[in-house]
Protein backbone atom coordinates (compact mmCIF):
# COMPACT_ATOMS: atom_id res chain seq x y z
CA UNK A 1 -10.20 0.10 -9.17
CA UNK A 2 -8.32 0.59 -12.41
CA UNK A 3 -5.34 -1.73 -12.75
CA UNK A 4 -3.28 0.64 -14.88
CA UNK A 5 -2.31 3.19 -12.18
CA UNK A 6 -1.32 0.38 -9.81
CA UNK A 7 0.83 -1.35 -12.41
CA UNK A 8 2.78 1.83 -13.11
CA UNK A 9 3.68 2.34 -9.45
CA UNK A 10 7.22 1.63 -8.25
CA UNK A 11 8.05 -1.69 -6.59
CA UNK A 12 8.50 0.05 -3.22
CA UNK A 13 5.89 2.67 -2.38
CA UNK A 14 5.57 5.38 0.25
CA UNK A 15 2.24 6.54 1.69
CA UNK A 16 1.57 9.02 -1.11
CA UNK A 17 2.19 6.41 -3.81
CA UNK A 18 0.15 3.79 -1.91
CA UNK A 19 -2.75 6.23 -1.68
CA UNK A 20 -2.59 6.87 -5.42
CA UNK A 21 -2.35 3.15 -6.24
CA UNK A 22 -5.35 2.22 -4.07
CA UNK A 23 -7.25 5.43 -4.84
CA UNK A 24 -7.58 6.32 -1.16
CA UNK A 25 -6.58 9.37 0.85
CA UNK A 26 -3.05 9.83 2.12
CA UNK A 27 -4.45 9.55 5.67
CA UNK A 28 -6.03 6.23 4.69
CA UNK A 29 -2.67 5.03 3.38
CA UNK A 30 -1.00 5.97 6.67
CA UNK A 31 -3.75 4.10 8.53
CA UNK A 32 -2.95 1.00 6.47
CA UNK A 33 0.78 1.40 7.07
CA UNK A 34 0.05 1.44 10.81
CA UNK A 35 -2.13 -1.69 10.79
CA UNK A 36 -0.40 -4.65 12.49
CA UNK A 37 -1.25 -7.08 9.67
CA UNK A 38 -0.20 -4.74 6.84
CA UNK A 39 3.25 -5.60 5.36
CA UNK A 40 5.01 -2.34 6.21
CA UNK A 41 8.74 -1.75 5.75
CA UNK A 42 10.31 0.73 8.14
CA UNK A 43 13.47 2.41 6.96
CA UNK A 44 14.66 5.01 9.38
CA UNK A 45 11.59 6.99 10.35
CA UNK A 46 9.81 6.34 7.06
CA UNK A 47 7.27 3.66 6.17
CA UNK A 48 7.09 1.88 2.84
CA UNK A 49 5.38 -1.15 1.34
CA UNK A 50 6.41 -3.42 -1.50
CA UNK A 51 3.88 -3.47 -4.33
CA UNK A 52 3.97 -7.27 -4.48
CA UNK A 53 3.13 -7.44 -0.75
CA UNK A 54 0.15 -5.12 -1.24
CA UNK A 55 -1.18 -7.44 -3.93
CA UNK A 56 -0.82 -10.48 -1.65
CA UNK A 57 -2.41 -8.58 1.25
CA UNK A 58 -5.38 -7.55 -0.90
CA UNK A 59 -5.87 -11.11 -2.15
CA UNK A 60 -5.87 -12.44 1.41
CA UNK A 61 -8.70 -10.10 2.41
CA UNK A 62 -11.66 -10.89 0.13
CA UNK A 63 -15.00 -9.32 1.04
CA UNK A 64 -13.68 -7.34 3.99
C-alpha cells in the first residue's frame, strides 16, 4: 500500500475516502465500518472514521 494517498486523506473519512485510502472497494469500507472492533464514528445516519484511529487499528492487527 502506498503511503502517499493515505497521508493526503482528511482527518475524518467517510466510506468512499476510507476505501481510497486503503485501496479497497467501497463495499469493503462499509464492511469495516460495520465491524464491532472498528473505530467508527456515527454522526446522524452517516459513518465516519478518524484517520489516526485507522492507523492504530491497522497496527493492532498484524498478520491478520
